Amino acid sequence: MKILLDTNVFLDVLLERKDWVNSSQAILDWCEANTGSAWVSWHTLSNLYYVGTKMVGAEAAGEFIDTILEDFQVCPVSTETAHISRKLHFGDYEDAMQAACALSAGVDWIVTRNIKDFATSPVRAISPDEFVLKRNC
């Protein structure tokens, strides 16, 4: 089983979002225990750093990314991946990029709190809570 985590799952943990941090942290813990099963898109890392530096500071944001890179594989991207993301015609281009990255990595699920945004995704999206239940995290 391979998963790609959407940016919002990481932000739940980095920003300690009260309503979502527990399930999102459980997923990160699962990813740490299941090396090679977890994927992150390249652009998620830049988004995390950008938001993180504004919310928790550059040092904490950088350390968080270092931790992610210990447990996650970065999805392979190319010009073809960019073309695929454009052809997906999502309402939000960043979500289309996530779906294209998920395809390039051959993951089984995209874990996100924005399920409705991935309704037309070629890779099934599930919520963090659903993943935690399925995997007994």
N, C-alpha and C. Protein backbone atom coordinates (compact mmCIF):
# COMPACT_ATOMS: atom_id res chain seq x y z
N MET A 1 0.83 -1.18 0.00
CA MET A 1 0.00 0.00 0.00
C MET A 1 0.87 1.24 0.00
N LYS A 2 0.60 2.14 -0.93
CA LYS A 2 1.34 3.40 -1.01
C LYS A 2 0.33 4.55 -0.99
N ILE A 3 0.71 5.62 -0.27
CA ILE A 3 -0.16 6.78 -0.17
C ILE A 3 0.61 8.06 -0.46
N LEU A 4 -0.13 9.05 -0.94
CA LEU A 4 0.39 10.40 -1.08
C LEU A 4 -0.40 11.28 -0.13
N LEU A 5 0.28 12.05 0.68
CA LEU A 5 -0.41 12.96 1.59
C LEU A 5 -0.54 14.33 0.97
N ASP A 6 -1.74 14.86 1.03
CA ASP A 6 -2.01 16.21 0.56
C ASP A 6 -1.42 17.20 1.57
N THR A 7 -1.18 18.40 1.10
CA THR A 7 -0.55 19.43 1.92
C THR A 7 -1.29 19.66 3.23
N ASN A 8 -2.63 19.61 3.21
CA ASN A 8 -3.40 19.92 4.41
C ASN A 8 -3.14 18.95 5.56
N VAL A 9 -2.79 17.71 5.26
CA VAL A 9 -2.49 16.74 6.32
C VAL A 9 -1.21 17.15 7.06
N PHE A 10 -0.21 17.56 6.30
CA PHE A 10 1.03 18.02 6.92
C PHE A 10 0.80 19.31 7.72
N LEU A 11 0.00 20.21 7.16
CA LEU A 11 -0.27 21.48 7.87
C LEU A 11 -1.00 21.24 9.18
N ASP A 12 -1.85 20.22 9.22
CA ASP A 12 -2.54 19.89 10.48
C ASP A 12 -1.52 19.66 11.60
N VAL A 13 -0.45 18.97 11.27
CA VAL A 13 0.57 18.63 12.26
C VAL A 13 1.49 19.82 12.52
N LEU A 14 1.99 20.43 11.47
CA LEU A 14 2.91 21.56 11.62
C LEU A 14 2.28 22.69 12.43
N LEU A 15 1.01 22.98 12.14
CA LEU A 15 0.34 24.10 12.80
C LEU A 15 -0.50 23.65 14.01
N GLU A 16 -0.43 22.36 14.32
CA GLU A 16 -1.16 21.78 15.45
C GLU A 16 -2.64 22.19 15.42
N ARG A 17 -3.27 21.95 14.29
CA ARG A 17 -4.69 22.28 14.12
C ARG A 17 -5.53 21.36 14.99
N LYS A 18 -6.16 21.96 15.96
CA LYS A 18 -6.86 21.25 17.03
C LYS A 18 -7.79 20.13 16.55
N ASP A 19 -8.61 20.40 15.59
CA ASP A 19 -9.61 19.42 15.17
C ASP A 19 -9.05 18.27 14.34
N TRP A 20 -7.83 18.43 13.82
CA TRP A 20 -7.33 17.43 12.88
C TRP A 20 -5.95 16.87 13.22
N VAL A 21 -5.25 17.44 14.17
CA VAL A 21 -3.87 17.04 14.43
C VAL A 21 -3.74 15.57 14.83
N ASN A 22 -4.68 15.03 15.58
CA ASN A 22 -4.53 13.66 16.06
C ASN A 22 -4.53 12.64 14.92
N SER A 23 -5.51 12.72 14.03
CA SER A 23 -5.54 11.75 12.94
C SER A 23 -4.38 11.98 11.98
N SER A 24 -4.05 13.23 11.72
CA SER A 24 -2.93 13.51 10.80
C SER A 24 -1.60 13.05 11.39
N GLN A 25 -1.39 13.23 12.68
CA GLN A 25 -0.17 12.75 13.32
C GLN A 25 -0.11 11.23 13.29
N ALA A 26 -1.25 10.58 13.48
CA ALA A 26 -1.29 9.11 13.42
C ALA A 26 -0.85 8.62 12.04
N ILE A 27 -1.24 9.34 11.00
CA ILE A 27 -0.83 8.96 9.64
C ILE A 27 0.67 9.16 9.47
N LEU A 28 1.20 10.27 9.95
CA LEU A 28 2.65 10.49 9.85
C LEU A 28 3.41 9.40 10.61
N ASP A 29 2.89 8.99 11.74
CA ASP A 29 3.51 7.90 12.50
C ASP A 29 3.47 6.60 11.70
N TRP A 30 2.35 6.33 11.03
CA TRP A 30 2.24 5.14 10.19
C TRP A 30 3.27 5.21 9.07
N CYS A 31 3.41 6.37 8.47
CA CYS A 31 4.36 6.55 7.38
C CYS A 31 5.79 6.28 7.85
N GLU A 32 6.10 6.73 9.04
CA GLU A 32 7.44 6.49 9.59
C GLU A 32 7.68 5.00 9.79
N ALA A 33 6.65 4.28 10.23
CA ALA A 33 6.78 2.85 10.48
C ALA A 33 6.73 2.01 9.21
N ASN A 34 6.27 2.59 8.12
CA ASN A 34 6.10 1.86 6.86
C ASN A 34 6.93 2.53 5.76
N THR A 35 8.23 2.52 5.96
CA THR A 35 9.15 3.15 5.03
C THR A 35 8.91 2.67 3.60
N GLY A 36 8.91 3.62 2.68
CA GLY A 36 8.71 3.31 1.27
C GLY A 36 7.26 3.34 0.84
N SER A 37 6.35 3.54 1.79
CA SER A 37 4.92 3.54 1.48
C SER A 37 4.34 4.94 1.36
N ALA A 38 5.10 5.94 1.75
CA ALA A 38 4.57 7.30 1.83
C ALA A 38 5.23 8.21 0.81
N TRP A 39 4.42 9.00 0.15
CA TRP A 39 4.89 9.90 -0.90
C TRP A 39 4.41 11.31 -0.64
N VAL A 40 5.21 12.26 -1.11
CA VAL A 40 4.88 13.68 -1.02
C VAL A 40 5.21 14.31 -2.37
N SER A 41 4.39 15.27 -2.77
CA SER A 41 4.69 15.96 -4.03
C SER A 41 5.72 17.05 -3.77
N TRP A 42 6.49 17.33 -4.81
CA TRP A 42 7.52 18.35 -4.74
C TRP A 42 6.94 19.70 -4.31
N HIS A 43 5.82 20.06 -4.90
CA HIS A 43 5.24 21.38 -4.59
C HIS A 43 4.66 21.45 -3.18
N THR A 44 4.32 20.32 -2.58
CA THR A 44 3.87 20.34 -1.19
C THR A 44 4.99 20.84 -0.28
N LEU A 45 6.21 20.43 -0.57
CA LEU A 45 7.34 20.87 0.25
C LEU A 45 7.51 22.38 0.20
N SER A 46 7.39 22.97 -0.98
CA SER A 46 7.53 24.43 -1.07
C SER A 46 6.36 25.13 -0.40
N ASN A 47 5.16 24.58 -0.55
CA ASN A 47 3.99 25.17 0.12
C ASN A 47 4.14 25.11 1.64
N LEU A 48 4.62 23.98 2.14
CA LEU A 48 4.82 23.84 3.59
C LEU A 48 5.85 24.83 4.10
N TYR A 49 6.92 24.99 3.35
CA TYR A 49 7.95 25.93 3.80
C TYR A 49 7.42 27.35 3.78
N TYR A 50 6.71 27.71 2.73
CA TYR A 50 6.16 29.06 2.62
C TYR A 50 5.20 29.37 3.78
N VAL A 51 4.23 28.50 3.99
CA VAL A 51 3.26 28.71 5.08
C VAL A 51 3.95 28.59 6.43
N GLY A 52 4.81 27.59 6.55
CA GLY A 52 5.49 27.35 7.82
C GLY A 52 6.34 28.51 8.29
N THR A 53 7.07 29.14 7.36
CA THR A 53 7.92 30.27 7.78
C THR A 53 7.08 31.41 8.31
N LYS A 54 5.90 31.59 7.76
CA LYS A 54 5.01 32.67 8.21
C LYS A 54 4.35 32.35 9.55
N MET A 55 4.07 31.05 9.78
CA MET A 55 3.30 30.65 10.96
C MET A 55 4.15 30.18 12.14
N VAL A 56 5.24 29.46 11.87
CA VAL A 56 6.05 28.91 12.96
C VAL A 56 7.52 29.28 12.86
N GLY A 57 7.90 29.98 11.79
CA GLY A 57 9.29 30.40 11.62
C GLY A 57 10.06 29.48 10.68
N ALA A 58 11.10 30.05 10.09
CA ALA A 58 11.89 29.32 9.09
C ALA A 58 12.58 28.09 9.66
N GLU A 59 13.10 28.20 10.86
CA GLU A 59 13.82 27.06 11.44
C GLU A 59 12.88 25.87 11.67
N ALA A 60 11.74 26.12 12.28
CA ALA A 60 10.77 25.05 12.54
C ALA A 60 10.23 24.47 11.23
N ALA A 61 9.97 25.32 10.25
CA ALA A 61 9.48 24.85 8.96
C ALA A 61 10.52 23.97 8.28
N GLY A 62 11.76 24.41 8.30
CA GLY A 62 12.84 23.62 7.70
C GLY A 62 13.03 22.28 8.39
N GLU A 63 12.97 22.26 9.70
CA GLU A 63 13.12 21.01 10.45
C GLU A 63 11.97 20.05 10.14
N PHE A 64 10.77 20.60 9.98
CA PHE A 64 9.61 19.77 9.65
C PHE A 64 9.81 19.12 8.28
N ILE A 65 10.29 19.88 7.33
CA ILE A 65 10.56 19.33 5.99
C ILE A 65 11.66 18.27 6.06
N ASP A 66 12.69 18.51 6.86
CA ASP A 66 13.75 17.50 7.02
C ASP A 66 13.17 16.20 7.55
N THR A 67 12.24 16.29 8.50
CA THR A 67 11.60 15.10 9.05
C THR A 67 10.78 14.37 7.98
N ILE A 68 10.05 15.13 7.19
CA ILE A 68 9.28 14.53 6.10
C ILE A 68 10.20 13.77 5.15
N LEU A 69 11.32 14.37 4.81
CA LEU A 69 12.24 13.75 3.86
C LEU A 69 12.91 12.48 4.39
N GLU A 70 12.85 12.27 5.70
CA GLU A 70 13.37 11.03 6.28
C GLU A 70 12.42 9.86 6.01
N ASP A 71 11.12 10.15 5.94
CA ASP A 71 10.11 9.08 5.88
C ASP A 71 9.34 9.01 4.57
N PHE A 72 9.44 10.01 3.73
CA PHE A 72 8.65 10.09 2.50
C PHE A 72 9.54 10.08 1.27
N GLN A 73 8.99 9.52 0.21
CA GLN A 73 9.60 9.61 -1.10
C GLN A 73 8.98 10.82 -1.81
N VAL A 74 9.77 11.54 -2.57
CA VAL A 74 9.24 12.65 -3.35
C VAL A 74 8.81 12.09 -4.70
N CYS A 75 7.58 12.41 -5.11
CA CYS A 75 7.04 11.90 -6.38
C CYS A 75 7.90 12.35 -7.55
N PRO A 76 8.13 11.45 -8.48
CA PRO A 76 8.84 11.86 -9.69
C PRO A 76 7.95 12.77 -10.53
N VAL A 77 8.51 13.87 -10.97
CA VAL A 77 7.75 14.80 -11.81
C VAL A 77 8.55 15.11 -13.06
N SER A 78 7.82 15.49 -14.08
CA SER A 78 8.44 15.77 -15.37
C SER A 78 7.51 16.70 -16.14
N THR A 79 7.93 17.04 -17.32
CA THR A 79 7.06 17.83 -18.19
C THR A 79 5.77 17.06 -18.46
N GLU A 80 5.88 15.77 -18.66
CA GLU A 80 4.69 14.94 -18.89
C GLU A 80 3.74 15.00 -17.69
N THR A 81 4.28 14.97 -16.47
CA THR A 81 3.44 15.07 -15.27
C THR A 81 2.69 16.40 -15.28
N ALA A 82 3.36 17.47 -15.67
CA ALA A 82 2.73 18.78 -15.75
C ALA A 82 1.61 18.78 -16.79
N HIS A 83 1.85 18.14 -17.93
CA HIS A 83 0.81 18.04 -18.95
C HIS A 83 -0.40 17.26 -18.43
N ILE A 84 -0.13 16.18 -17.73
CA ILE A 84 -1.22 15.38 -17.17
C ILE A 84 -2.04 16.23 -16.20
N SER A 85 -1.38 16.99 -15.34
CA SER A 85 -2.12 17.82 -14.38
C SER A 85 -3.03 18.82 -15.08
N ARG A 86 -2.60 19.34 -16.20
CA ARG A 86 -3.44 20.28 -16.98
C ARG A 86 -4.63 19.58 -17.61
N LYS A 87 -4.45 18.34 -18.02
CA LYS A 87 -5.52 17.59 -18.68
C LYS A 87 -6.58 17.09 -17.69
N LEU A 88 -6.28 17.09 -16.41
CA LEU A 88 -7.23 16.60 -15.42
C LEU A 88 -8.40 17.55 -15.20
N HIS A 89 -8.22 18.82 -15.52
CA HIS A 89 -9.30 19.81 -15.43
C HIS A 89 -9.97 19.86 -14.06
N PHE A 90 -9.18 19.89 -13.02
CA PHE A 90 -9.69 20.09 -11.67
C PHE A 90 -10.09 21.56 -11.51
N GLY A 91 -10.93 21.83 -10.53
CA GLY A 91 -11.28 23.21 -10.22
C GLY A 91 -10.09 23.96 -9.64
N ASP A 92 -9.21 23.25 -8.96
CA ASP A 92 -8.03 23.83 -8.33
C ASP A 92 -6.80 23.16 -8.95
N TYR A 93 -5.95 23.95 -9.58
CA TYR A 93 -4.79 23.38 -10.27
C TYR A 93 -3.83 22.68 -9.31
N GLU A 94 -3.69 23.19 -8.11
CA GLU A 94 -2.79 22.54 -7.14
C GLU A 94 -3.28 21.12 -6.84
N ASP A 95 -4.60 20.92 -6.74
CA ASP A 95 -5.14 19.58 -6.53
C ASP A 95 -4.86 18.69 -7.74
N ALA A 96 -4.96 19.25 -8.93
CA ALA A 96 -4.64 18.48 -10.14
C ALA A 96 -3.17 18.06 -10.13
N MET A 97 -2.31 18.94 -9.65
CA MET A 97 -0.89 18.60 -9.54
C MET A 97 -0.69 17.45 -8.55
N GLN A 98 -1.44 17.47 -7.44
CA GLN A 98 -1.35 16.37 -6.48
C GLN A 98 -1.76 15.05 -7.14
N ALA A 99 -2.87 15.08 -7.88
CA ALA A 99 -3.35 13.86 -8.53
C ALA A 99 -2.35 13.35 -9.57
N ALA A 100 -1.77 14.26 -10.34
CA ALA A 100 -0.77 13.85 -11.33
C ALA A 100 0.46 13.27 -10.65
N CYS A 101 0.87 13.85 -9.55
CA CYS A 101 2.01 13.30 -8.80
C CYS A 101 1.67 11.92 -8.25
N ALA A 102 0.45 11.75 -7.77
CA ALA A 102 0.02 10.45 -7.25
C ALA A 102 0.09 9.40 -8.36
N LEU A 103 -0.34 9.78 -9.55
CA LEU A 103 -0.23 8.86 -10.70
C LEU A 103 1.22 8.50 -10.99
N SER A 104 2.09 9.50 -10.98
CA SER A 104 3.50 9.26 -11.31
C SER A 104 4.18 8.34 -10.31
N ALA A 105 3.72 8.39 -9.07
CA ALA A 105 4.30 7.55 -8.03
C ALA A 105 3.61 6.19 -7.92
N GLY A 106 2.47 6.05 -8.56
CA GLY A 106 1.75 4.78 -8.51
C GLY A 106 1.15 4.48 -7.14
N VAL A 107 0.69 5.54 -6.46
CA VAL A 107 0.12 5.33 -5.13
C VAL A 107 -1.30 4.78 -5.23
N ASP A 108 -1.76 4.21 -4.12
CA ASP A 108 -3.11 3.65 -4.05
C ASP A 108 -4.14 4.71 -3.66
N TRP A 109 -3.74 5.63 -2.77
CA TRP A 109 -4.67 6.63 -2.26
C TRP A 109 -3.98 7.97 -2.09
N ILE A 110 -4.77 9.01 -2.24
CA ILE A 110 -4.38 10.36 -1.82
C ILE A 110 -5.11 10.60 -0.51
N VAL A 111 -4.37 10.92 0.54
CA VAL A 111 -4.99 11.20 1.84
C VAL A 111 -5.12 12.71 1.96
N THR A 112 -6.37 13.18 2.10
CA THR A 112 -6.66 14.61 2.12
C THR A 112 -7.94 14.87 2.91
N ARG A 113 -8.04 16.06 3.44
CA ARG A 113 -9.30 16.45 4.07
C ARG A 113 -10.26 17.04 3.04
N ASN A 114 -9.81 17.25 1.82
CA ASN A 114 -10.64 17.85 0.78
C ASN A 114 -11.08 16.81 -0.25
N ILE A 115 -11.79 15.81 0.20
CA ILE A 115 -12.22 14.70 -0.66
C ILE A 115 -12.96 15.21 -1.89
N LYS A 116 -13.87 16.15 -1.69
CA LYS A 116 -14.70 16.63 -2.81
C LYS A 116 -13.87 17.24 -3.92
N ASP A 117 -12.72 17.81 -3.58
CA ASP A 117 -11.85 18.42 -4.59
C ASP A 117 -11.19 17.38 -5.48
N PHE A 118 -11.23 16.11 -5.07
CA PHE A 118 -10.60 15.04 -5.82
C PHE A 118 -11.63 14.08 -6.41
N ALA A 119 -12.86 14.55 -6.57
CA ALA A 119 -13.95 13.70 -7.07
C ALA A 119 -13.63 13.09 -8.43
N THR A 120 -12.90 13.81 -9.27
CA THR A 120 -12.59 13.30 -10.61
C THR A 120 -11.16 12.77 -10.71
N SER A 121 -10.51 12.62 -9.58
CA SER A 121 -9.12 12.16 -9.57
C SER A 121 -9.00 10.73 -10.07
N PRO A 122 -7.98 10.44 -10.85
CA PRO A 122 -7.73 9.07 -11.28
C PRO A 122 -7.20 8.19 -10.13
N VAL A 123 -6.76 8.82 -9.04
CA VAL A 123 -6.34 8.11 -7.83
C VAL A 123 -7.34 8.46 -6.75
N ARG A 124 -7.89 7.45 -6.11
CA ARG A 124 -8.94 7.65 -5.10
C ARG A 124 -8.40 8.46 -3.92
N ALA A 125 -9.22 9.40 -3.46
CA ALA A 125 -8.87 10.20 -2.28
C ALA A 125 -9.68 9.70 -1.09
N ILE A 126 -9.00 9.63 0.06
CA ILE A 126 -9.68 9.27 1.30
C ILE A 126 -9.29 10.28 2.37
N SER A 127 -10.12 10.39 3.38
CA SER A 127 -9.86 11.34 4.46
C SER A 127 -8.85 10.75 5.44
N PRO A 128 -8.20 11.61 6.21
CA PRO A 128 -7.30 11.11 7.25
C PRO A 128 -8.01 10.17 8.21
N ASP A 129 -9.23 10.51 8.62
CA ASP A 129 -9.96 9.64 9.54
C ASP A 129 -10.23 8.26 8.93
N GLU A 130 -10.60 8.24 7.65
CA GLU A 130 -10.84 6.96 6.98
C GLU A 130 -9.56 6.14 6.90
N PHE A 131 -8.44 6.80 6.61
CA PHE A 131 -7.17 6.07 6.54
C PHE A 131 -6.81 5.49 7.90
N VAL A 132 -6.99 6.27 8.95
CA VAL A 132 -6.68 5.80 10.30
C VAL A 132 -7.53 4.56 10.63
N LEU A 133 -8.80 4.58 10.27
CA LEU A 133 -9.67 3.41 10.52
C LEU A 133 -9.22 2.20 9.71
N LYS A 134 -8.90 2.40 8.44
CA LYS A 134 -8.50 1.29 7.58
C LYS A 134 -7.18 0.66 8.02
N ARG A 135 -6.27 1.46 8.49
CA ARG A 135 -4.93 0.99 8.85
C ARG A 135 -4.75 0.77 10.34
N ASN A 136 -5.76 1.03 11.13
CA ASN A 136 -5.67 0.90 12.59
C ASN A 136 -4.47 1.67 13.15
N CYS A 137 -4.33 2.90 12.71
CA CYS A 137 -3.20 3.73 13.17
C CYS A 137 -3.38 4.11 14.63
